PDB file of N, CA and C in Angstrom:
ATOM      1  N   MET A   1      97.219  95.659 104.838  1.00  0.00           N
ATOM      2  CA  MET A   1      97.353  94.221 104.548  1.00  0.00           C
ATOM      3  C   MET A   1      98.700  94.106 104.698  1.00  0.00           C
ATOM      4  N   PHE A   2      99.333  92.827 105.094  1.00  0.00           N
ATOM      5  CA  PHE A   2     100.693  92.215 105.345  1.00  0.00           C
ATOM      6  C   PHE A   2     101.031  91.105 104.458  1.00  0.00           C
ATOM      7  N   LEU A   3     102.001  91.375 103.613  1.00  0.00           N
ATOM      8  CA  LEU A   3     102.408  89.936 102.908  1.00  0.00           C
ATOM      9  C   LEU A   3     103.849  89.787 103.321  1.00  0.00           C
ATOM     10  N   LYS A   4     104.257  88.470 102.912  1.00  0.00           N
ATOM     11  CA  LYS A   4     105.866  88.105 103.434  1.00  0.00           C
ATOM     12  C   LYS A   4     106.597  88.326 102.276  1.00  0.00           C
ATOM     13  N   HIS A   5     107.765  88.953 102.388  1.00  0.00           N
ATOM     14  CA  HIS A   5     108.642  89.099 101.498  1.00  0.00           C
ATOM     15  C   HIS A   5     109.715  87.887 101.324  1.00  0.00           C
ATOM     16  N   THR A   6     109.521  86.921 100.280  1.00  0.00           N
ATOM     17  CA  THR A   6     110.237  85.726 100.304  1.00  0.00           C
ATOM     18  C   THR A   6     111.875  85.704 100.514  1.00  0.00           C
ATOM     19  N   PRO A   7     112.742  86.666  99.635  1.00  0.00           N
ATOM     20  CA  PRO A   7     113.787  86.731  99.905  1.00  0.00           C
ATOM     21  C   PRO A   7     114.454  86.862 101.436  1.00  0.00           C
ATOM     22  N   THR A   8     113.768  87.660 102.212  1.00  0.00           N
ATOM     23  CA  THR A   8     113.996  88.030 103.418  1.00  0.00           C
ATOM     24  C   THR A   8     113.217  87.298 104.543  1.00  0.00           C
ATOM     25  N   HIS A   9     111.906  86.905 104.176  1.00  0.00           N
ATOM     26  CA  HIS A   9     110.875  86.194 105.021  1.00  0.00           C
ATOM     27  C   HIS A   9     110.454  87.255 105.987  1.00  0.00           C
ATOM     28  N   ASN A  10     110.434  88.489 105.794  1.00  0.00           N
ATOM     29  CA  ASN A  10     110.093  89.729 106.733  1.00  0.00           C
ATOM     30  C   ASN A  10     108.408  89.948 106.261  1.00  0.00           C
ATOM     31  N   LEU A  11     107.655  90.521 106.999  1.00  0.00           N
ATOM     32  CA  LEU A  11     106.619  91.157 106.797  1.00  0.00           C
ATOM     33  C   LEU A  11     106.507  92.489 106.174  1.00  0.00           C
ATOM     34  N   VAL A  12     105.536  92.567 105.227  1.00  0.00           N
ATOM     35  CA  VAL A  12     105.906  93.829 104.384  1.00  0.00           C
ATOM     36  C   VAL A  12     104.257  94.475 104.315  1.00  0.00           C
ATOM     37  N   GLU A  13     104.001  95.641 104.923  1.00  0.00           N
ATOM     38  CA  GLU A  13     102.943  96.238 105.050  1.00  0.00           C
ATOM     39  C   GLU A  13     102.715  96.981 103.737  1.00  0.00           C
ATOM     40  N   VAL A  14     101.616  96.330 103.037  1.00  0.00           N
ATOM     41  CA  VAL A  14     101.230  96.893 101.474  1.00  0.00           C
ATOM     42  C   VAL A  14     100.583  98.356 101.986  1.00  0.00           C
ATOM     43  N   LEU A  15     101.066  99.400 100.962  1.00  0.00           N
ATOM     44  CA  LEU A  15     100.903 101.021 101.284  1.00  0.00           C
ATOM     45  C   LEU A  15      99.428 101.151 100.418  1.00  0.00           C
ATOM     46  N   SER A  16      99.580 100.635  99.252  1.00  0.00           N
ATOM     47  CA  SER A  16      98.469 100.744  98.191  1.00  0.00           C
ATOM     48  C   SER A  16      97.956  99.462  97.737  1.00  0.00           C
ATOM     49  N   LEU A  17      96.609  99.062  98.242  1.00  0.00           N
ATOM     50  CA  LEU A  17      96.049  97.998  97.888  1.00  0.00           C
ATOM     51  C   LEU A  17      95.648  97.955  96.573  1.00  0.00           C
ATOM     52  N   HIS A  18      95.262  99.146  95.879  1.00  0.00           N
ATOM     53  CA  HIS A  18      94.914  99.168  94.420  1.00  0.00           C
ATOM     54  C   HIS A  18      96.315  98.560  93.615  1.00  0.00           C
ATOM     55  N   ASP A  19      97.345  99.190  93.785  1.00  0.00           N
ATOM     56  CA  ASP A  19      98.638  98.553  93.096  1.00  0.00           C
ATOM     57  C   ASP A  19      98.613  97.078  93.106  1.00  0.00           C
ATOM     58  N   LEU A  20      98.239  96.676  94.388  1.00  0.00           N
ATOM     59  CA  LEU A  20      98.600  95.032  94.664  1.00  0.00           C
ATOM     60  C   LEU A  20      97.375  94.522  93.570  1.00  0.00           C
ATOM     61  N   TRP A  21      96.314  94.996  93.618  1.00  0.00           N
ATOM     62  CA  TRP A  21      95.104  94.145  92.765  1.00  0.00           C
ATOM     63  C   TRP A  21      95.337  94.362  91.465  1.00  0.00           C
ATOM     64  N   ASP A  22      96.006  95.525  90.876  1.00  0.00           N
ATOM     65  CA  ASP A  22      96.254  95.878  89.530  1.00  0.00           C
ATOM     66  C   ASP A  22      97.273  94.923  89.019  1.00  0.00           C
ATOM     67  N   PRO A  23      96.520  94.168  88.014  1.00  0.00           N
ATOM     68  CA  PRO A  23      97.750  93.017  87.529  1.00  0.00           C
ATOM     69  C   PRO A  23      98.524  93.497  86.292  1.00  0.00           C
ATOM     70  N   CYS A  24      98.541  94.798  86.030  1.00  0.00           N
ATOM     71  CA  CYS A  24      99.415  95.459  85.158  1.00  0.00           C
ATOM     72  C   CYS A  24     100.331  96.400  85.938  1.00  0.00           C
ATOM     73  N   GLN A  25     100.257  96.325  87.490  1.00  0.00           N
ATOM     74  CA  GLN A  25     101.193  96.725  88.237  1.00  0.00           C
ATOM     75  C   GLN A  25     102.407  95.687  88.674  1.00  0.00           C
ATOM     76  N   ASP A  26     103.720  95.516  88.210  1.00  0.00           N
ATOM     77  CA  ASP A  26     104.450  94.568  88.636  1.00  0.00           C
ATOM     78  C   ASP A  26     105.557  94.712  90.190  1.00  0.00           C
ATOM     79  N   GLN A  27     104.927  95.996  90.497  1.00  0.00           N
ATOM     80  CA  GLN A  27     105.716  96.431  92.002  1.00  0.00           C
ATOM     81  C   GLN A  27     104.468  97.071  92.774  1.00  0.00           C
ATOM     82  N   ILE A  28     104.805  97.111  93.958  1.00  0.00           N
ATOM     83  CA  ILE A  28     103.867  97.785  94.902  1.00  0.00           C
ATOM     84  C   ILE A  28     104.892  98.637  95.833  1.00  0.00           C
ATOM     85  N   SER A  29     104.285  99.445  96.559  1.00  0.00           N
ATOM     86  CA  SER A  29     104.751 100.447  97.840  1.00  0.00           C
ATOM     87  C   SER A  29     104.390  99.670  98.949  1.00  0.00           C
ATOM     88  N   GLY A  30     105.454  99.732  99.661  1.00  0.00           N
ATOM     89  CA  GLY A  30     105.155  99.034 101.036  1.00  0.00           C
ATOM     90  C   GLY A  30     106.284  99.510 101.839  1.00  0.00           C
ATOM     91  N   ARG A  31     106.256  98.882 103.144  1.00  0.00           N
ATOM     92  CA  ARG A  31     107.534  99.019 104.212  1.00  0.00           C
ATOM     93  C   ARG A  31     107.578  98.008 105.043  1.00  0.00           C
ATOM     94  N   PHE A  32     108.728  97.472 105.276  1.00  0.00           N
ATOM     95  CA  PHE A  32     109.072  96.342 106.109  1.00  0.00           C
ATOM     96  C   PHE A  32     108.475  96.578 107.326  1.00  0.00           C
ATOM     97  N   HIS A  33     107.864  95.544 108.005  1.00  0.00           N
ATOM     98  CA  HIS A  33     107.218  95.370 109.485  1.00  0.00           C
ATOM     99  C   HIS A  33     108.308  94.794 110.139  1.00  0.00           C
ATOM    100  N   ALA A  34     109.250  95.401 110.824  1.00  0.00           N
ATOM    101  CA  ALA A  34     110.324  94.916 111.746  1.00  0.00           C
ATOM    102  C   ALA A  34     110.579  95.969 112.648  1.00  0.00           C
ATOM    103  N   GLY A  35     111.083  95.297 113.782  1.00  0.00           N
ATOM    104  CA  GLY A  35     111.711  96.563 114.574  1.00  0.00           C
ATOM    105  C   GLY A  35     110.826  97.316 115.197  1.00  0.00           C
ATOM    106  N   GLU A  36     111.084  98.110 116.083  1.00  0.00           N
ATOM    107  CA  GLU A  36     110.221  99.058 116.697  1.00  0.00           C
ATOM    108  C   GLU A  36     110.036 100.432 116.076  1.00  0.00           C
ATOM    109  N   GLU A  37     110.729 100.702 115.340  1.00  0.00           N
ATOM    110  CA  GLU A  37     110.787 102.314 114.380  1.00  0.00           C
ATOM    111  C   GLU A  37     110.178 101.729 113.187  1.00  0.00           C
ATOM    112  N   LEU A  38     109.174 102.830 112.656  1.00  0.00           N
ATOM    113  CA  LEU A  38     108.438 102.648 111.649  1.00  0.00           C
ATOM    114  C   LEU A  38     109.373 102.836 110.333  1.00  0.00           C
ATOM    115  N   GLN A  39     109.510 101.871 109.514  1.00  0.00           N
ATOM    116  CA  GLN A  39     110.472 101.646 108.528  1.00  0.00           C
ATOM    117  C   GLN A  39     109.955 102.762 107.245  1.00  0.00           C
ATOM    118  N   GLU A  40     110.951 103.127 106.329  1.00  0.00           N
ATOM    119  CA  GLU A  40     110.540 103.849 105.274  1.00  0.00           C
ATOM    120  C   GLU A  40     109.856 103.216 104.167  1.00  0.00           C
ATOM    121  N   PRO A  41     109.184 103.883 103.397  1.00  0.00           N
ATOM    122  CA  PRO A  41     108.465 103.133 102.439  1.00  0.00           C
ATOM    123  C   PRO A  41     109.458 102.646 101.275  1.00  0.00           C
ATOM    124  N   GLU A  42     109.097 101.429 100.638  1.00  0.00           N
ATOM    125  CA  GLU A  42     110.087 100.985  99.442  1.00  0.00           C
ATOM    126  C   GLU A  42     109.267 100.318  98.466  1.00  0.00           C
ATOM    127  N   THR A  43     109.802 100.116  97.249  1.00  0.00           N
ATOM    128  CA  THR A  43     109.263  99.116  96.291  1.00  0.00           C
ATOM    129  C   THR A  43     109.447  98.003  96.371  1.00  0.00           C
ATOM    130  N   PHE A  44     108.392  96.939  96.359  1.00  0.00           N
ATOM    131  CA  PHE A  44     108.718  95.616  96.002  1.00  0.00           C
ATOM    132  C   PHE A  44     108.381  94.811  94.900  1.00  0.00           C
ATOM    133  N   VAL A  45     108.880  94.033  94.321  1.00  0.00           N
ATOM    134  CA  VAL A  45     108.460  93.367  93.168  1.00  0.00           C
ATOM    135  C   VAL A  45     107.240  92.626  93.815  1.00  0.00           C
ATOM    136  N   LYS A  46     106.034  92.447  93.082  1.00  0.00           N
ATOM    137  CA  LYS A  46     105.127  91.166  93.400  1.00  0.00           C
ATOM    138  C   LYS A  46     105.400  89.890  93.276  1.00  0.00           C
ATOM    139  N   SER A  47     106.294  89.628  92.397  1.00  0.00           N
ATOM    140  CA  SER A  47     106.790  88.180  92.374  1.00  0.00           C
ATOM    141  C   SER A  47     107.490  87.486  93.520  1.00  0.00           C
ATOM    142  N   GLU A  48     108.102  88.747  94.401  1.00  0.00           N
ATOM    143  CA  GLU A  48     108.927  88.288  95.653  1.00  0.00           C
ATOM    144  C   GLU A  48     107.934  88.343  96.725  1.00  0.00           C
ATOM    145  N   LEU A  49     106.680  88.315  96.725  1.00  0.00           N
ATOM    146  CA  LEU A  49     105.550  88.665  97.879  1.00  0.00           C
ATOM    147  C   LEU A  49     104.618  87.348  97.772  1.00  0.00           C
ATOM    148  N   ARG A  50     104.362  87.101  98.986  1.00  0.00           N
ATOM    149  CA  ARG A  50     103.453  85.977  99.260  1.00  0.00           C
ATOM    150  C   ARG A  50     102.612  86.135 100.324  1.00  0.00           C
ATOM    151  N   PHE A  51     101.514  85.612 100.430  1.00  0.00           N
ATOM    152  CA  PHE A  51     100.629  85.685 101.832  1.00  0.00           C
ATOM    153  C   PHE A  51     101.313  85.156 102.990  1.00  0.00           C
ATOM    154  N   PRO A  52     101.352  85.435 104.330  1.00  0.00           N
ATOM    155  CA  PRO A  52     102.080  85.265 105.386  1.00  0.00           C
ATOM    156  C   PRO A  52     102.151  83.556 105.536  1.00  0.00           C
ATOM    157  N   SER A  53     100.805  83.087 104.889  1.00  0.00           N
ATOM    158  CA  SER A  53     100.835  81.606 104.944  1.00  0.00           C
ATOM    159  C   SER A  53     101.814  80.810 104.066  1.00  0.00           C
ATOM    160  N   GLY A  54     102.192  81.775 103.330  1.00  0.00           N
ATOM    161  CA  GLY A  54     103.239  80.999 102.303  1.00  0.00           C
ATOM    162  C   GLY A  54     102.339  81.043 100.924  1.00  0.00           C
ATOM    163  N   GLU A  55     100.884  80.940 100.775  1.00  0.00           N
ATOM    164  CA  GLU A  55     100.506  80.893  99.517  1.00  0.00           C
ATOM    165  C   GLU A  55     100.758  82.184  98.529  1.00  0.00           C
ATOM    166  N   ALA A  56     100.842  81.853  97.288  1.00  0.00           N
ATOM    167  CA  ALA A  56     101.207  82.767  96.236  1.00  0.00           C
ATOM    168  C   ALA A  56      99.996  83.709  95.983  1.00  0.00           C
ATOM    169  N   LEU A  57     100.406  84.902  95.710  1.00  0.00           N
ATOM    170  CA  LEU A  57      99.284  85.871  95.446  1.00  0.00           C
ATOM    171  C   LEU A  57      98.603  85.431  93.727  1.00  0.00           C
ATOM    172  N   PRO A  58      97.281  85.638  93.778  1.00  0.00           N
ATOM    173  CA  PRO A  58      96.442  85.171  93.031  1.00  0.00           C
ATOM    174  C   PRO A  58      96.993  85.564  91.323  1.00  0.00           C
ATOM    175  N   LEU A  59      96.829  84.940  90.547  1.00  0.00           N
ATOM    176  CA  LEU A  59      97.424  85.162  89.103  1.00  0.00           C
ATOM    177  C   LEU A  59      96.612  86.346  88.858  1.00  0.00           C
ATOM    178  N   CYS A  60      95.530  86.649  88.963  1.00  0.00           N
ATOM    179  CA  CYS A  60      94.557  87.937  88.565  1.00  0.00           C
ATOM    180  C   CYS A  60      95.512  89.018  88.947  1.00  0.00           C
ATOM    181  N   TRP A  61      95.965  88.951  89.827  1.00  0.00           N
ATOM    182  CA  TRP A  61      96.785  90.190  90.702  1.00  0.00           C
ATOM    183  C   TRP A  61      98.012  90.378  89.945  1.00  0.00           C
ATOM    184  N   ARG A  62      98.533  89.479  89.298  1.00  0.00           N
ATOM    185  CA  ARG A  62      99.843  89.508  88.899  1.00  0.00           C
ATOM    186  C   ARG A  62     100.238  89.551  87.358  1.00  0.00           C
ATOM    187  N   ASP A  63      99.245  89.000  86.612  1.00  0.00           N
ATOM    188  CA  ASP A  63      99.334  88.661  85.090  1.00  0.00           C
ATOM    189  C   ASP A  63      98.205  89.201  84.414  1.00  0.00           C
ATOM    190  N   PRO A  64      98.427  90.572  83.659  1.00  0.00           N
ATOM    191  CA  PRO A  64      97.256  91.117  82.878  1.00  0.00           C
ATOM    192  C   PRO A  64      96.528  90.199  82.058  1.00  0.00           C
ATOM    193  N   HIS A  65      97.226  89.117  81.587  1.00  0.00           N
ATOM    194  CA  HIS A  65      96.673  88.250  80.713  1.00  0.00           C
ATOM    195  C   HIS A  65      96.124  86.964  81.032  1.00  0.00           C
ATOM    196  N   TYR A  66      95.792  86.874  82.224  1.00  0.00           N
ATOM    197  CA  TYR A  66      95.383  85.782  83.223  1.00  0.00           C
ATOM    198  C   TYR A  66      94.186  85.043  82.364  1.00  0.00           C
ATOM    199  N   ARG A  67      93.283  85.964  81.680  1.00  0.00           N
ATOM    200  CA  ARG A  67      92.285  85.302  81.319  1.00  0.00           C
ATOM    201  C   ARG A  67      92.431  84.506  79.995  1.00  0.00           C
ATOM    202  N   GLU A  68      93.656  84.990  79.302  1.00  0.00           N
ATOM    203  CA  GLU A  68      93.963  84.314  78.189  1.00  0.00           C
ATOM    204  C   GLU A  68      94.726  82.990  78.337  1.00  0.00           C
ATOM    205  N   ALA A  69      95.103  82.646  79.369  1.00  0.00           N
ATOM    206  CA  ALA A  69      95.772  81.486  79.723  1.00  0.00           C
ATOM    207  C   ALA A  69      95.013  80.274  79.759  1.00  0.00           C
ATOM    208  N   THR A  70      95.215  79.104  78.923  1.00  0.00           N
ATOM    209  CA  THR A  70      94.666  78.024  78.958  1.00  0.00           C
ATOM    210  C   THR A  70      94.956  77.318  80.234  1.00  0.00           C
ATOM    211  N   GLY A  71      94.250  76.117  80.439  1.00  0.00           N
ATOM    212  CA  GLY A  71      94.704  75.243  81.465  1.00  0.00           C
ATOM    213  C   GLY A  71      96.158  74.873  81.825  1.00  0.00           C
ATOM    214  N   SER A  72      96.705  74.511  80.734  1.00  0.00           N
ATOM    215  CA  SER A  72      98.114  74.196  81.214  1.00  0.00           C
ATOM    216  C   SER A  72      98.957  75.238  81.310  1.00  0.00           C
ATOM    217  N   ASP A  73      98.692  76.310  80.418  1.00  0.00           N
ATOM    218  CA  ASP A  73      99.414  77.396  80.683  1.00  0.00           C
ATOM    219  C   ASP A  73      99.521  77.966  82.073  1.00  0.00           C
ATOM    220  N   ARG A  74      97.923  77.885  82.563  1.00  0.00           N
ATOM    221  CA  ARG A  74      97.759  78.360  84.187  1.00  0.00           C
ATOM    222  C   ARG A  74      98.598  77.548  85.121  1.00  0.00           C
ATOM    223  N   ASP A  75      98.519  76.219  84.803  1.00  0.00           N
ATOM    224  CA  ASP A  75      99.206  75.245  85.821  1.00  0.00           C
ATOM    225  C   ASP A  75     100.726  75.832  85.600  1.00  0.00           C
ATOM    226  N   GLN A  76     101.317  75.995  84.547  1.00  0.00           N
ATOM    227  CA  GLN A  76     102.690  76.245  84.590  1.00  0.00           C
ATOM    228  C   GLN A  76     102.917  77.736  85.174  1.00  0.00           C
ATOM    229  N   ALA A  77     102.002  78.438  85.163  1.00  0.00           N
ATOM    230  CA  ALA A  77     102.319  79.861  85.831  1.00  0.00           C
ATOM    231  C   ALA A  77     102.332  79.618  87.287  1.00  0.00           C
ATOM    232  N   ALA A  78     101.349  78.778  87.644  1.00  0.00           N
ATOM    233  CA  ALA A  78     101.425  78.550  89.063  1.00  0.00           C
ATOM    234  C   ALA A  78     102.677  77.801  89.752  1.00  0.00           C
ATOM    235  N   LEU A  79     103.282  77.001  89.078  1.00  0.00           N
ATOM    236  CA  LEU A  79     104.289  76.411  89.240  1.00  0.00           C
ATOM    237  C   LEU A  79     105.608  77.264  89.379  1.00  0.00           C
ATOM    238  N   VAL A  80     105.785  78.414  88.436  1.00  0.00           N
ATOM    239  CA  VAL A  80     106.957  79.270  88.327  1.00  0.00           C
ATOM    240  C   VAL A  80     106.745  80.283  89.495  1.00  0.00           C
ATOM    241  N   SER A  81     105.355  80.600  89.997  1.00  0.00           N
ATOM    242  CA  SER A  81     105.398  81.502  91.149  1.00  0.00           C
ATOM    243  C   SER A  81     105.424  80.980  92.646  1.00  0.00           C
TER     244      SER A  81
END
């Protein structure tokens, strides 16, 4: 799976989908998908990643307490990310 790294606007190949889906993990292992050479794996903060379309990652992938959020809290969390 590829995501966009918002600070650099480069694509990142996600190396562990389990870490991406786990809301208790705030970082994932991946590698930039740029140039002709295979890049070395790096650690990326989930809050700096988006889908290539620009859409934010689902809250249930980023916040271990997503079920506890009320409607207004959820709206605020969406605005922050």
